[in-house]
Structure formats: structure tokens, C-alpha cells
């Protein structure tokens, strides 16, 4: 399956990246868009606490891969020698998505929506030299005085989320063909 479109939500710490990504995913999902997400972390993680059997399989048993299966969920934890790119993850595991929203990955070559809140930071990443400005395609902000060369969605506008979802759906969503029934 080909790689679905990726759009990354970036910003400085406490800018509102997670809240924006979650709200955008929900708004698009409510429209029937098949949304999948990838969250970039800078530290390792555990999906289950140390008192679970799957934790023990992975950490004590040293299993290379551990699948956790329940009636309504599936998770696969695996070891790998180096961090995969969001493009690799999307192509390998999310090819049937209409869009993959990423959170983070500000140094990867993915189109980016910057979340900038003047209430949290003095200036945005855009124009700072910290990211490739050519990859920033939109901004969600509380700053009324910013006029970058791309669409800006203002937190002060009660319709900002719907406007952002409209824009993402129009410019980034690729509708995957429906799955065939067996």
C-alpha cells in the first residue's frame, strides 16, 4: 500500500501540540476521515506497567516482539536498532489511512502545522532557524499580529478548529478506497 499523506503538528513545549492534534483528529474522524497518528517521543516508553505479563515477556524474557491482544485492541512492541522515520512507519503500518497526523518530528521532512501560543512563548519556530520554514504549511496561534505566508488559524476564532479541519481535508486528506467485504 502506498504511503498515506502525513501532516505534522509541531511547536515548542507547552504550545498545545497534543491538544491540537487530538482535537483535529477527532474533528476529521467525525467527518468520516480515517485518521491515524504517530507521536514522536524523545525517550523510551512502556505500554504497560511492570506488574503485567506482557511487560515481563519483553523485559525479563527479552522477547524481540511482544503482541498484546484483546477483544477490541492490538498492540505490538518491538525492539529495533534505530529510530524509524514517520514515513517508514506510515508506509509499513498505516497505508490504509486517509491521513496520518504526526505530533512532533520538527526536524523531519514532513509538511508542518505550527502551534504557537504567545501565552507560552515569545516567538514561533517559523522564522527562528530551528526548523525548515519551507515545510511549514499553516499555523494555529493566539497571536493576532502574525502574518506568515501561509494559512493562519486563530485560537480566538470560535470556528478555528472547523476551519483547520476544512483546510486539512481539502488539501491533505487522501480517501482510501473502501475495504472489500469477504
Protein backbone atom coordinates (compact mmCIF):
# COMPACT_ATOMS: atom_id res chain seq x y z
CA UNK A 1 0.00 0.00 0.00
CA UNK A 2 1.39 3.48 -0.77
CA UNK A 3 2.33 5.87 1.98
CA UNK A 4 -0.63 7.99 3.10
CA UNK A 5 -0.26 11.76 3.39
CA UNK A 6 1.49 12.92 6.54
CA UNK A 7 0.97 16.24 8.28
CA UNK A 8 2.92 17.05 11.43
CA UNK A 9 1.76 19.24 14.31
CA UNK A 10 4.85 21.00 15.70
CA UNK A 11 5.63 23.70 18.21
CA UNK A 12 7.60 24.47 21.30
CA UNK A 13 6.99 22.73 24.62
CA UNK A 14 3.57 23.54 26.15
CA UNK A 15 2.38 25.23 22.94
CA UNK A 16 -0.65 22.93 22.66
CA UNK A 17 0.58 20.37 20.12
CA UNK A 18 -1.13 17.37 21.71
CA UNK A 19 -4.40 19.20 22.28
CA UNK A 20 -4.42 20.47 18.68
CA UNK A 21 -3.51 17.07 17.22
CA UNK A 22 -6.17 15.27 19.28
CA UNK A 23 -8.89 17.81 18.50
CA UNK A 24 -8.02 17.83 14.79
CA UNK A 25 -8.02 14.02 14.65
CA UNK A 26 -11.45 13.96 16.34
CA UNK A 27 -12.86 16.64 14.02
CA UNK A 28 -11.62 14.82 10.91
CA UNK A 29 -12.80 11.46 12.26
CA UNK A 30 -16.27 12.90 12.81
CA UNK A 31 -16.31 13.69 9.08
CA UNK A 32 -15.58 10.09 8.19
CA UNK A 33 -11.86 10.61 7.55
CA UNK A 34 -9.75 7.60 8.51
CA UNK A 35 -7.17 9.29 10.73
CA UNK A 36 -4.11 7.60 12.18
CA UNK A 37 -1.49 9.29 14.35
CA UNK A 38 2.18 8.99 15.16
CA UNK A 39 3.57 10.62 18.32
CA UNK A 40 7.28 11.37 18.42
CA UNK A 41 8.94 10.79 21.77
CA UNK A 42 12.46 11.64 22.75
CA UNK A 43 12.63 8.97 25.48
CA UNK A 44 11.78 5.26 25.55
CA UNK A 45 8.36 4.17 26.81
CA UNK A 46 6.44 1.20 28.18
CA UNK A 47 2.89 0.48 27.13
CA UNK A 48 2.08 -1.47 30.23
CA UNK A 49 3.23 -1.34 33.85
CA UNK A 50 5.94 -3.56 35.24
CA UNK A 51 3.48 -5.86 37.01
CA UNK A 52 1.96 -7.21 33.75
CA UNK A 53 2.80 -10.41 31.92
CA UNK A 54 3.48 -8.61 28.60
CA UNK A 55 5.99 -6.35 30.36
CA UNK A 56 7.70 -9.43 31.73
CA UNK A 57 7.76 -11.09 28.27
CA UNK A 58 9.54 -8.05 26.83
CA UNK A 59 11.85 -7.02 29.67
CA UNK A 60 12.57 -10.20 31.62
CA UNK A 61 12.18 -12.63 28.74
CA UNK A 62 13.97 -10.37 26.27
CA UNK A 63 11.48 -11.18 23.51
CA UNK A 64 12.21 -9.28 20.30
CA UNK A 65 8.48 -8.64 19.77
CA UNK A 66 5.50 -8.89 22.09
CA UNK A 67 1.94 -8.67 20.83
CA UNK A 68 -0.82 -7.69 23.22
CA UNK A 69 -4.22 -8.83 22.02
CA UNK A 70 -7.64 -8.10 23.50
CA UNK A 71 -11.13 -8.37 22.00
CA UNK A 72 -11.03 -4.70 20.96
CA UNK A 73 -7.30 -3.83 20.68
CA UNK A 74 -3.95 -4.98 19.40
CA UNK A 75 -0.51 -3.60 20.22
CA UNK A 76 2.89 -4.75 19.10
CA UNK A 77 6.00 -3.71 21.00
CA UNK A 78 9.25 -4.46 19.25
CA UNK A 79 12.92 -3.72 19.57
CA UNK A 80 14.81 -2.12 16.73
CA UNK A 81 18.32 -0.84 16.27
CA UNK A 82 17.49 2.71 15.18
CA UNK A 83 14.52 5.06 15.17
CA UNK A 84 12.30 4.66 12.14
CA UNK A 85 11.11 7.71 10.25
CA UNK A 86 7.44 8.66 10.35
CA UNK A 87 7.31 7.97 6.62
CA UNK A 88 8.55 4.39 7.19
CA UNK A 89 6.03 3.80 9.99
CA UNK A 90 3.15 5.22 7.94
CA UNK A 91 4.04 3.17 4.87
CA UNK A 92 4.55 -0.06 6.81
CA UNK A 93 1.66 0.16 9.28
CA UNK A 94 -0.77 2.88 8.20
CA UNK A 95 -1.09 2.60 4.42
CA UNK A 96 -4.88 2.48 4.59
CA UNK A 97 -5.16 5.85 6.38
CA UNK A 98 -6.76 8.85 4.69
CA UNK A 99 -4.23 10.96 6.61
CA UNK A 100 -1.59 10.39 9.26
CA UNK A 101 -1.28 13.22 11.76
CA UNK A 102 2.11 13.29 13.39
CA UNK A 103 2.95 15.12 16.58
CA UNK A 104 6.48 16.38 16.66
CA UNK A 105 9.11 15.40 14.11
CA UNK A 106 10.05 19.04 13.64
CA UNK A 107 13.37 18.06 12.06
CA UNK A 108 11.88 15.57 9.58
CA UNK A 109 10.89 16.46 6.02
CA UNK A 110 7.11 16.48 6.57
CA UNK A 111 4.65 19.30 5.95
CA UNK A 112 4.07 21.04 9.28
CA UNK A 113 1.35 22.96 11.06
CA UNK A 114 2.94 25.02 13.81
CA UNK A 115 1.07 25.59 17.05
CA UNK A 116 2.26 28.85 18.56
CA UNK A 117 0.81 30.46 21.65
CA UNK A 118 2.24 33.80 22.68
CA UNK A 119 0.88 32.99 26.14
CA UNK A 120 3.52 30.23 26.32
CA UNK A 121 6.41 31.54 24.17
CA UNK A 122 7.82 34.77 22.86
CA UNK A 123 8.16 33.71 19.22
CA UNK A 124 7.21 30.85 16.88
CA UNK A 125 9.54 28.23 15.45
CA UNK A 126 8.81 29.63 11.99
CA UNK A 127 11.46 32.22 11.18
CA UNK A 128 13.70 31.18 14.09
CA UNK A 129 16.08 28.94 12.12
CA UNK A 130 15.12 25.97 14.33
CA UNK A 131 13.04 24.30 11.62
CA UNK A 132 12.92 24.36 7.84
CA UNK A 133 10.50 27.21 7.15
CA UNK A 134 9.72 25.74 3.72
CA UNK A 135 7.98 22.80 5.43
CA UNK A 136 5.59 24.96 7.49
CA UNK A 137 2.26 25.00 5.65
CA UNK A 138 -0.02 26.56 8.29
CA UNK A 139 -0.11 27.93 11.83
CA UNK A 140 -2.56 27.81 14.71
CA UNK A 141 -1.91 30.71 17.06
CA UNK A 142 -3.20 33.15 19.65
CA UNK A 143 -1.04 35.93 18.20
CA UNK A 144 -3.13 38.44 16.27
CA UNK A 145 -0.14 40.27 14.76
CA UNK A 146 1.47 37.38 12.86
CA UNK A 147 1.04 37.35 9.08
CA UNK A 148 3.14 34.46 7.72
CA UNK A 149 2.91 33.44 4.04
CA UNK A 150 0.55 30.52 4.68
CA UNK A 151 -2.89 29.98 6.25
CA UNK A 152 -3.25 31.06 9.89
CA UNK A 153 -5.98 29.74 12.18
CA UNK A 154 -6.53 31.86 15.28
CA UNK A 155 -7.44 30.33 18.63
CA UNK A 156 -9.55 33.42 19.29
CA UNK A 157 -11.89 32.50 16.43
CA UNK A 158 -14.56 30.10 17.75
CA UNK A 159 -14.52 28.31 14.38
CA UNK A 160 -10.72 27.79 14.22
CA UNK A 161 -10.91 24.02 14.60
CA UNK A 162 -13.56 23.56 11.93
CA UNK A 163 -11.66 25.90 9.61
CA UNK A 164 -8.44 23.95 10.20
CA UNK A 165 -10.24 20.64 9.60
CA UNK A 166 -11.79 22.04 6.39
CA UNK A 167 -8.36 23.13 5.17
CA UNK A 168 -6.68 19.82 6.07
CA UNK A 169 -9.48 17.82 4.45
CA UNK A 170 -9.31 19.92 1.29
CA UNK A 171 -5.50 19.94 0.92
CA UNK A 172 -4.11 16.85 2.68
CA UNK A 173 -6.66 14.05 3.01
CA UNK A 174 -6.49 11.18 0.56
CA UNK A 175 -9.57 9.00 0.75
CA UNK A 176 -8.50 5.37 0.80
CA UNK A 177 -10.72 3.02 -1.20
CA UNK A 178 -13.21 1.13 0.99
CA UNK A 179 -12.17 -2.34 2.08
CA UNK A 180 -13.86 -5.22 0.32
CA UNK A 181 -16.03 -7.49 2.39
CA UNK A 182 -15.27 -11.20 2.39
